[in-house]
Amino acid sequence: MYNLLDFLSWGLVIYITMNLLTYFGILNKSNQIVLKIYISLMRLYEPVLFKIRKYLPQNLPIDLSPIVVFLGIELVQGIMTTYLYY
């Protein structure tokens, strides 16, 4: 379970990085491999991020929902470490 949460954390980092690189024109989504990876990550993370965005302020210049997801994953990992390994 801990490895799954670690995998989800790294996947979120890759998704955020791909979003930024696409926004700045460094990464081109016309490449089929890049597009498939991006769509897969989007289908995995956007439902969670969308639900969190509903509760965050909309007038901020930066999207804080990935930070909330990271904190949630870290919280679950900390709880698992505390209660399952000790």
C-alpha atoms as a PDB file:
ATOM      1  CA  MET A   1       0.000   0.000   0.000  1.00  0.00           C
ATOM      2  CA  TYR A   2       2.876   2.326   0.832  1.00  0.00           C
ATOM      3  CA  ASN A   3       4.383   1.725  -2.618  1.00  0.00           C
ATOM      4  CA  LEU A   4       1.040   2.514  -4.245  1.00  0.00           C
ATOM      5  CA  LEU A   5       0.873   5.863  -2.458  1.00  0.00           C
ATOM      6  CA  ASP A   6       4.463   6.581  -3.456  1.00  0.00           C
ATOM      7  CA  PHE A   7       3.590   5.715  -7.063  1.00  0.00           C
ATOM      8  CA  LEU A   8       0.597   8.083  -6.905  1.00  0.00           C
ATOM      9  CA  SER A   9       2.817  10.870  -5.580  1.00  0.00           C
ATOM     10  CA  TRP A  10       5.315  10.479  -8.404  1.00  0.00           C
ATOM     11  CA  GLY A  11       2.531  10.224 -10.957  1.00  0.00           C
ATOM     12  CA  LEU A  12       1.146  13.521  -9.713  1.00  0.00           C
ATOM     13  CA  VAL A  13       4.587  15.121 -10.030  1.00  0.00           C
ATOM     14  CA  ILE A  14       4.823  13.877 -13.619  1.00  0.00           C
ATOM     15  CA  TYR A  15       1.300  15.126 -14.392  1.00  0.00           C
ATOM     16  CA  ILE A  16       2.028  18.598 -12.992  1.00  0.00           C
ATOM     17  CA  THR A  17       5.355  18.738 -14.842  1.00  0.00           C
ATOM     18  CA  MET A  18       3.702  17.735 -18.116  1.00  0.00           C
ATOM     19  CA  ASN A  19       1.048  20.425 -17.611  1.00  0.00           C
ATOM     20  CA  LEU A  20       3.692  23.098 -17.056  1.00  0.00           C
ATOM     21  CA  LEU A  21       5.854  21.987 -19.967  1.00  0.00           C
ATOM     22  CA  THR A  22       2.817  21.961 -22.259  1.00  0.00           C
ATOM     23  CA  TYR A  23       1.730  25.388 -21.045  1.00  0.00           C
ATOM     24  CA  PHE A  24       5.147  26.890 -21.799  1.00  0.00           C
ATOM     25  CA  GLY A  25       5.333  25.191 -25.199  1.00  0.00           C
ATOM     26  CA  ILE A  26       8.243  22.921 -24.357  1.00  0.00           C
ATOM     27  CA  LEU A  27       6.267  19.684 -24.577  1.00  0.00           C
ATOM     28  CA  ASN A  28       4.149  19.020 -27.640  1.00  0.00           C
ATOM     29  CA  LYS A  29       1.088  16.823 -27.214  1.00  0.00           C
ATOM     30  CA  SER A  30       1.011  15.947 -30.912  1.00  0.00           C
ATOM     31  CA  ASN A  31       3.436  13.118 -30.110  1.00  0.00           C
ATOM     32  CA  GLN A  32       1.262  10.023 -29.612  1.00  0.00           C
ATOM     33  CA  ILE A  33       3.270   8.604 -26.713  1.00  0.00           C
ATOM     34  CA  VAL A  34       3.214  11.911 -24.844  1.00  0.00           C
ATOM     35  CA  LEU A  35      -0.503  12.270 -25.528  1.00  0.00           C
ATOM     36  CA  LYS A  36      -1.295   8.774 -24.221  1.00  0.00           C
ATOM     37  CA  ILE A  37       0.708   9.337 -21.041  1.00  0.00           C
ATOM     38  CA  TYR A  38      -0.913  12.734 -20.508  1.00  0.00           C
ATOM     39  CA  ILE A  39      -4.451  11.419 -21.047  1.00  0.00           C
ATOM     40  CA  SER A  40      -3.828   8.470 -18.716  1.00  0.00           C
ATOM     41  CA  LEU A  41      -2.547  10.748 -15.973  1.00  0.00           C
ATOM     42  CA  MET A  42      -5.365  13.220 -16.560  1.00  0.00           C
ATOM     43  CA  ARG A  43      -7.986  10.484 -16.179  1.00  0.00           C
ATOM     44  CA  LEU A  44      -6.348   9.366 -12.960  1.00  0.00           C
ATOM     45  CA  TYR A  45      -5.824  12.732 -11.255  1.00  0.00           C
ATOM     46  CA  GLU A  46      -8.370  15.217 -12.602  1.00  0.00           C
ATOM     47  CA  PRO A  47     -11.417  13.721 -10.804  1.00  0.00           C
ATOM     48  CA  VAL A  48      -9.623  14.089  -7.469  1.00  0.00           C
ATOM     49  CA  LEU A  49      -8.223  17.523  -8.279  1.00  0.00           C
ATOM     50  CA  PHE A  50     -11.623  18.726  -9.503  1.00  0.00           C
ATOM     51  CA  LYS A  51     -13.313  17.768  -6.232  1.00  0.00           C
ATOM     52  CA  ILE A  52     -10.637  19.564  -4.227  1.00  0.00           C
ATOM     53  CA  ARG A  53     -10.795  22.673  -6.459  1.00  0.00           C
ATOM     54  CA  LYS A  54     -14.464  23.114  -5.523  1.00  0.00           C
ATOM     55  CA  TYR A  55     -13.448  23.821  -1.916  1.00  0.00           C
ATOM     56  CA  LEU A  56     -10.462  26.075  -2.624  1.00  0.00           C
ATOM     57  CA  PRO A  57     -10.643  29.800  -3.429  1.00  0.00           C
ATOM     58  CA  GLN A  58     -11.064  30.416  -7.155  1.00  0.00           C
ATOM     59  CA  ASN A  59      -9.398  33.843  -7.296  1.00  0.00           C
ATOM     60  CA  LEU A  60      -5.847  32.609  -6.658  1.00  0.00           C
ATOM     61  CA  PRO A  61      -3.321  32.824  -9.508  1.00  0.00           C
ATOM     62  CA  ILE A  62      -2.039  29.309  -8.741  1.00  0.00           C
ATOM     63  CA  ASP A  63      -3.837  25.987  -8.452  1.00  0.00           C
ATOM     64  CA  LEU A  64      -3.375  24.674  -4.923  1.00  0.00           C
ATOM     65  CA  SER A  65      -5.239  21.399  -5.402  1.00  0.00           C
ATOM     66  CA  PRO A  66      -2.108  19.319  -6.183  1.00  0.00           C
ATOM     67  CA  ILE A  67      -0.553  20.540  -2.935  1.00  0.00           C
ATOM     68  CA  VAL A  68      -3.640  19.401  -1.035  1.00  0.00           C
ATOM     69  CA  VAL A  69      -3.418  15.991  -2.722  1.00  0.00           C
ATOM     70  CA  PHE A  70       0.286  15.729  -1.812  1.00  0.00           C
ATOM     71  CA  LEU A  71      -0.478  16.601   1.791  1.00  0.00           C
ATOM     72  CA  GLY A  72      -3.260  14.020   1.842  1.00  0.00           C
ATOM     73  CA  ILE A  73      -0.986  11.317   0.467  1.00  0.00           C
ATOM     74  CA  GLU A  74       1.731  12.230   2.968  1.00  0.00           C
ATOM     75  CA  LEU A  75      -0.808  12.157   5.803  1.00  0.00           C
ATOM     76  CA  VAL A  76      -2.004   8.690   4.819  1.00  0.00           C
ATOM     77  CA  GLN A  77       1.594   7.471   4.502  1.00  0.00           C
ATOM     78  CA  GLY A  78       2.417   8.885   7.929  1.00  0.00           C
ATOM     79  CA  ILE A  79      -0.602   7.239   9.507  1.00  0.00           C
ATOM     80  CA  MET A  80       0.247   3.942   7.844  1.00  0.00           C
ATOM     81  CA  THR A  81       3.848   4.150   9.003  1.00  0.00           C
ATOM     82  CA  THR A  82       2.815   4.967  12.555  1.00  0.00           C
ATOM     83  CA  TYR A  83       0.135   2.338  12.997  1.00  0.00           C
ATOM     84  CA  LEU A  84       1.254  -0.492  10.739  1.00  0.00           C
ATOM     85  CA  TYR A  85       5.003  -0.601  11.271  1.00  0.00           C
ATOM     86  CA  TYR A  86       5.259   0.113  15.008  1.00  0.00           C
END
